Protein backbone atom coordinates (compact mmCIF):
# COMPACT_ATOMS: atom_id res chain seq x y z
CA LEU A 1 4.41 -230.54 0.27
CA SER A 2 2.10 -229.71 -2.60
CA VAL A 3 -0.89 -227.50 -3.22
CA LEU A 4 -4.20 -229.31 -2.77
CA PRO A 5 -6.83 -228.50 -5.38
CA VAL A 6 -10.11 -227.10 -4.11
CA PRO A 7 -13.04 -229.35 -5.09
CA ASP A 8 -15.49 -227.78 -7.53
CA GLU A 9 -18.37 -228.01 -5.05
CA TYR A 10 -16.50 -225.56 -2.78
CA GLN A 11 -16.23 -222.97 -5.55
CA LEU A 12 -19.21 -220.74 -4.77
CA VAL A 13 -18.09 -218.17 -7.33
CA PRO A 14 -16.58 -219.96 -10.33
CA GLY A 15 -13.83 -218.14 -12.18
CA VAL A 16 -12.82 -215.89 -9.28
CA SER A 17 -9.35 -216.42 -7.87
CA GLY A 18 -6.62 -214.55 -6.06
CA PRO A 19 -7.21 -211.94 -3.36
CA ALA A 20 -10.80 -211.33 -4.51
CA SER A 21 -11.81 -214.95 -3.97
CA PRO A 22 -12.48 -214.82 -0.19
CA VAL A 23 -14.53 -211.63 -0.58
CA ALA A 24 -16.54 -213.07 -3.46
CA HIS A 25 -17.23 -216.23 -1.46
CA ALA A 26 -18.29 -214.23 1.61
CA TYR A 27 -20.78 -212.26 -0.49
CA ALA A 28 -22.07 -215.48 -2.06
CA GLN A 29 -22.62 -216.99 1.40
CA LEU A 30 -24.35 -213.79 2.56
CA ARG A 31 -26.64 -213.91 -0.48
CA THR A 32 -27.53 -217.53 0.31
CA ASP A 33 -28.22 -216.64 3.97
CA ILE A 34 -30.59 -213.85 2.90
CA GLU A 35 -32.37 -215.92 0.25
CA GLU A 36 -32.67 -219.13 2.27
CA GLY A 37 -32.89 -217.77 5.82
CA THR A 38 -29.73 -219.61 6.88
CA ARG A 39 -27.02 -218.28 9.19
CA THR A 40 -23.57 -219.27 7.90
CA VAL A 41 -22.02 -215.78 7.83
CA PRO A 42 -21.11 -214.11 11.15
CA ASP A 43 -23.46 -211.26 12.02
CA PHE A 44 -23.19 -208.05 14.04
CA ARG A 45 -23.85 -209.88 17.32
CA HIS A 46 -20.90 -212.16 16.59
CA ALA A 47 -18.70 -209.12 15.88
CA VAL A 48 -19.70 -207.47 19.16
CA GLY A 49 -18.83 -210.61 21.11
CA HIS A 50 -15.51 -210.86 19.31
CA HIS A 51 -14.64 -207.23 20.09
CA ARG A 52 -15.60 -207.67 23.74
CA LEU A 53 -13.32 -210.69 23.98
CA LEU A 54 -10.44 -208.77 22.39
CA ASP A 55 -11.04 -205.86 24.77
CA ARG A 56 -10.89 -208.19 27.79
CA ILE A 57 -7.67 -209.71 26.49
CA ALA A 58 -6.12 -206.27 25.94
CA ARG A 59 -7.13 -205.07 29.42
CA ALA A 60 -5.79 -208.24 31.02
CA ALA A 61 -2.50 -207.84 29.15
CA GLU A 62 -2.18 -204.23 30.38
CA THR A 63 -2.78 -205.08 34.02
CA GLY A 64 -1.28 -208.56 34.03
CA VAL A 65 -4.42 -209.83 35.78
CA ARG A 66 -6.68 -212.63 34.57
CA GLN A 67 -10.27 -211.48 34.13
């Protein structure tokens, strides 16, 4: 096994690495969404759906019943 290099075109924030890299890239994608009217970053509606799914899973695990 070896580490695969990330192609330059995937570096949205050049020079940022380590733990800050995913955060910097998320903010760069959000900026692009705002400026260009695109929708690549999950929004609040996506978060609500995700939390509802997790809640259904937790309730099903507690009762042992499929919902």
